[in-house]
Amino acid sequence: MIFVFCLFFKVFYSCISALMAVRFLGEKLNTLSKIGCVLTVFGSIVIIIHAPKDSEIHSLLDFSYKIKTQGTKQIFLFQ
């Protein structure tokens, strides 16, 4: 679940930055920029919907173990 929230904010950061540039800096978004923002939103929604379910974290030790072993699952798959 933590991964989903981090992904959500990381993906929408570029769209939020573009919209704030239009609002506060007076920049113009061309058609390709608008299409890019829309595709970013739809793509991130698809990724969030199909994200794997994480186990519950009940203590700080569980959280630290999960952070330390986050990428090891991918490494062991290719050995």
N, C-alpha and C. Protein backbone atom coordinates (compact mmCIF):
# COMPACT_ATOMS: atom_id res chain seq x y z
N MET A 1 0.81 -1.20 0.00
CA MET A 1 0.00 0.00 0.00
C MET A 1 0.85 1.26 0.00
N ILE A 2 2.00 1.19 0.67
CA ILE A 2 2.90 2.34 0.70
C ILE A 2 3.41 2.63 -0.70
N PHE A 3 3.72 1.55 -1.45
CA PHE A 3 4.21 1.70 -2.82
C PHE A 3 3.19 2.43 -3.69
N VAL A 4 1.92 2.12 -3.49
CA VAL A 4 0.87 2.74 -4.30
C VAL A 4 0.80 4.23 -4.05
N PHE A 5 0.87 4.66 -2.79
CA PHE A 5 0.82 6.09 -2.50
C PHE A 5 2.04 6.82 -3.03
N CYS A 6 3.22 6.22 -2.90
CA CYS A 6 4.44 6.85 -3.42
C CYS A 6 4.38 6.98 -4.93
N LEU A 7 3.91 5.94 -5.60
CA LEU A 7 3.78 5.97 -7.04
C LEU A 7 2.77 7.03 -7.47
N PHE A 8 1.68 7.12 -6.76
CA PHE A 8 0.64 8.10 -7.08
C PHE A 8 1.20 9.52 -7.06
N PHE A 9 1.90 9.89 -6.00
CA PHE A 9 2.42 11.25 -5.89
C PHE A 9 3.59 11.49 -6.83
N LYS A 10 4.40 10.48 -7.09
CA LYS A 10 5.54 10.64 -7.98
C LYS A 10 5.08 10.84 -9.42
N VAL A 11 4.06 10.14 -9.84
CA VAL A 11 3.59 10.24 -11.21
C VAL A 11 2.87 11.56 -11.45
N PHE A 12 2.06 11.98 -10.52
CA PHE A 12 1.29 13.20 -10.72
C PHE A 12 2.11 14.47 -10.50
N TYR A 13 3.35 14.33 -10.04
CA TYR A 13 4.19 15.50 -9.81
C TYR A 13 4.42 16.28 -11.09
N SER A 14 4.65 15.59 -12.21
CA SER A 14 4.91 16.29 -13.47
C SER A 14 3.66 17.01 -13.96
N CYS A 15 2.49 16.41 -13.81
CA CYS A 15 1.25 17.07 -14.23
C CYS A 15 0.95 18.27 -13.35
N ILE A 16 1.17 18.13 -12.06
CA ILE A 16 0.93 19.25 -11.14
C ILE A 16 1.89 20.39 -11.44
N SER A 17 3.14 20.07 -11.74
CA SER A 17 4.12 21.11 -12.08
C SER A 17 3.72 21.84 -13.36
N ALA A 18 3.24 21.10 -14.36
CA ALA A 18 2.81 21.73 -15.61
C ALA A 18 1.60 22.65 -15.38
N LEU A 19 0.65 22.19 -14.58
CA LEU A 19 -0.53 23.01 -14.31
C LEU A 19 -0.19 24.25 -13.49
N MET A 20 0.74 24.12 -12.56
CA MET A 20 1.16 25.29 -11.79
C MET A 20 1.94 26.28 -12.65
N ALA A 21 2.71 25.78 -13.63
CA ALA A 21 3.42 26.67 -14.54
C ALA A 21 2.45 27.45 -15.40
N VAL A 22 1.36 26.82 -15.80
CA VAL A 22 0.34 27.52 -16.58
C VAL A 22 -0.33 28.59 -15.72
N ARG A 23 -0.64 28.24 -14.50
CA ARG A 23 -1.38 29.15 -13.62
C ARG A 23 -0.53 30.32 -13.14
N PHE A 24 0.67 30.03 -12.65
CA PHE A 24 1.46 31.07 -12.00
C PHE A 24 2.50 31.72 -12.89
N LEU A 25 3.00 31.02 -13.90
CA LEU A 25 4.03 31.58 -14.77
C LEU A 25 3.50 32.03 -16.11
N GLY A 26 2.25 31.72 -16.39
CA GLY A 26 1.63 32.15 -17.63
C GLY A 26 2.10 31.39 -18.86
N GLU A 27 2.58 30.19 -18.68
CA GLU A 27 3.04 29.39 -19.82
C GLU A 27 1.85 28.76 -20.53
N LYS A 28 2.07 28.40 -21.79
CA LYS A 28 1.02 27.78 -22.60
C LYS A 28 1.35 26.30 -22.78
N LEU A 29 0.34 25.45 -22.62
CA LEU A 29 0.50 24.03 -22.90
C LEU A 29 -0.02 23.76 -24.31
N ASN A 30 0.84 23.16 -25.14
CA ASN A 30 0.37 22.79 -26.47
C ASN A 30 -0.40 21.47 -26.40
N THR A 31 -0.88 21.03 -27.54
CA THR A 31 -1.73 19.84 -27.57
C THR A 31 -0.99 18.59 -27.10
N LEU A 32 0.27 18.43 -27.50
CA LEU A 32 1.03 17.26 -27.08
C LEU A 32 1.27 17.24 -25.57
N SER A 33 1.45 18.41 -24.96
CA SER A 33 1.63 18.47 -23.51
C SER A 33 0.35 18.06 -22.79
N LYS A 34 -0.78 18.49 -23.29
CA LYS A 34 -2.06 18.11 -22.68
C LYS A 34 -2.31 16.61 -22.82
N ILE A 35 -2.00 16.07 -24.01
CA ILE A 35 -2.16 14.63 -24.22
C ILE A 35 -1.22 13.86 -23.30
N GLY A 36 0.01 14.36 -23.12
CA GLY A 36 0.96 13.72 -22.22
C GLY A 36 0.47 13.69 -20.79
N CYS A 37 -0.12 14.78 -20.32
CA CYS A 37 -0.67 14.82 -18.96
C CYS A 37 -1.82 13.82 -18.80
N VAL A 38 -2.69 13.75 -19.78
CA VAL A 38 -3.82 12.83 -19.71
C VAL A 38 -3.33 11.38 -19.73
N LEU A 39 -2.36 11.07 -20.59
CA LEU A 39 -1.82 9.70 -20.65
C LEU A 39 -1.10 9.34 -19.36
N THR A 40 -0.44 10.31 -18.74
CA THR A 40 0.22 10.06 -17.46
C THR A 40 -0.79 9.70 -16.39
N VAL A 41 -1.88 10.43 -16.35
CA VAL A 41 -2.93 10.16 -15.35
C VAL A 41 -3.55 8.79 -15.58
N PHE A 42 -3.93 8.47 -16.82
CA PHE A 42 -4.56 7.18 -17.10
C PHE A 42 -3.59 6.03 -16.88
N GLY A 43 -2.33 6.20 -17.27
CA GLY A 43 -1.35 5.15 -17.06
C GLY A 43 -1.09 4.87 -15.60
N SER A 44 -1.02 5.92 -14.80
CA SER A 44 -0.78 5.72 -13.37
C SER A 44 -1.99 5.08 -12.70
N ILE A 45 -3.18 5.39 -13.15
CA ILE A 45 -4.37 4.76 -12.59
C ILE A 45 -4.37 3.27 -12.90
N VAL A 46 -3.97 2.90 -14.11
CA VAL A 46 -3.90 1.48 -14.48
C VAL A 46 -2.87 0.76 -13.62
N ILE A 47 -1.70 1.38 -13.40
CA ILE A 47 -0.66 0.76 -12.58
C ILE A 47 -1.14 0.62 -11.13
N ILE A 48 -1.80 1.63 -10.61
CA ILE A 48 -2.27 1.58 -9.22
C ILE A 48 -3.34 0.50 -9.05
N ILE A 49 -4.22 0.36 -10.02
CA ILE A 49 -5.28 -0.65 -9.91
C ILE A 49 -4.69 -2.05 -9.92
N HIS A 50 -3.65 -2.28 -10.73
CA HIS A 50 -3.08 -3.62 -10.88
C HIS A 50 -1.85 -3.84 -10.01
N ALA A 51 -1.60 -2.99 -9.04
CA ALA A 51 -0.44 -3.16 -8.15
C ALA A 51 -0.65 -4.38 -7.25
N PRO A 52 0.45 -5.08 -6.94
CA PRO A 52 0.29 -6.24 -6.04
C PRO A 52 -0.06 -5.80 -4.63
N LYS A 53 -0.79 -6.64 -3.94
CA LYS A 53 -1.19 -6.33 -2.57
C LYS A 53 -0.02 -6.58 -1.62
N ASP A 54 0.23 -5.65 -0.72
CA ASP A 54 1.28 -5.78 0.27
C ASP A 54 0.71 -6.32 1.57
N SER A 55 1.58 -6.90 2.36
CA SER A 55 1.14 -7.40 3.66
C SER A 55 1.05 -6.23 4.64
N GLU A 56 0.31 -6.44 5.69
CA GLU A 56 0.13 -5.41 6.71
C GLU A 56 1.43 -5.23 7.51
N ILE A 57 1.68 -4.01 7.94
CA ILE A 57 2.84 -3.71 8.78
C ILE A 57 2.31 -3.40 10.17
N HIS A 58 2.75 -4.20 11.17
CA HIS A 58 2.24 -4.05 12.52
C HIS A 58 3.25 -3.44 13.49
N SER A 59 4.52 -3.39 13.11
CA SER A 59 5.52 -2.84 14.02
C SER A 59 6.61 -2.15 13.22
N LEU A 60 7.45 -1.45 13.93
CA LEU A 60 8.57 -0.75 13.29
C LEU A 60 9.59 -1.74 12.74
N LEU A 61 9.72 -2.90 13.39
CA LEU A 61 10.64 -3.92 12.89
C LEU A 61 10.16 -4.50 11.56
N ASP A 62 8.86 -4.70 11.42
CA ASP A 62 8.31 -5.16 10.15
C ASP A 62 8.58 -4.14 9.05
N PHE A 63 8.42 -2.86 9.38
CA PHE A 63 8.64 -1.80 8.41
C PHE A 63 10.10 -1.74 7.98
N SER A 64 11.03 -1.85 8.93
CA SER A 64 12.45 -1.80 8.58
C SER A 64 12.85 -3.03 7.76
N TYR A 65 12.30 -4.19 8.08
CA TYR A 65 12.59 -5.39 7.28
C TYR A 65 12.08 -5.24 5.85
N LYS A 66 10.89 -4.67 5.72
CA LYS A 66 10.30 -4.48 4.40
C LYS A 66 11.12 -3.50 3.55
N ILE A 67 11.65 -2.47 4.18
CA ILE A 67 12.48 -1.51 3.45
C ILE A 67 13.80 -2.14 3.03
N LYS A 68 14.41 -2.92 3.91
CA LYS A 68 15.71 -3.53 3.61
C LYS A 68 15.61 -4.59 2.53
N THR A 69 14.51 -5.31 2.47
CA THR A 69 14.37 -6.40 1.52
C THR A 69 13.47 -6.05 0.34
N GLN A 70 13.33 -4.79 0.03
CA GLN A 70 12.40 -4.37 -1.02
C GLN A 70 12.82 -4.89 -2.39
N GLY A 71 14.09 -4.81 -2.77
CA GLY A 71 14.51 -5.20 -4.10
C GLY A 71 15.06 -6.61 -4.21
N THR A 72 15.12 -7.35 -3.14
CA THR A 72 15.74 -8.67 -3.19
C THR A 72 14.87 -9.69 -3.91
N LYS A 73 13.57 -9.50 -3.95
CA LYS A 73 12.71 -10.45 -4.63
C LYS A 73 13.02 -10.49 -6.12
N GLN A 74 13.29 -9.35 -6.72
CA GLN A 74 13.59 -9.28 -8.15
C GLN A 74 14.95 -9.91 -8.44
N ILE A 75 15.91 -9.75 -7.55
CA ILE A 75 17.25 -10.30 -7.78
C ILE A 75 17.21 -11.82 -7.77
N PHE A 76 16.47 -12.42 -6.86
CA PHE A 76 16.43 -13.87 -6.75
C PHE A 76 15.68 -14.53 -7.89
N LEU A 77 14.81 -13.79 -8.57
CA LEU A 77 14.07 -14.38 -9.67
C LEU A 77 14.96 -14.73 -10.84
N PHE A 78 16.07 -14.01 -11.02
CA PHE A 78 16.92 -14.21 -12.19
C PHE A 78 18.12 -15.09 -11.92
N GLN A 79 18.26 -15.67 -10.75
CA GLN A 79 19.40 -16.52 -10.46
C GLN A 79 19.09 -17.98 -10.68
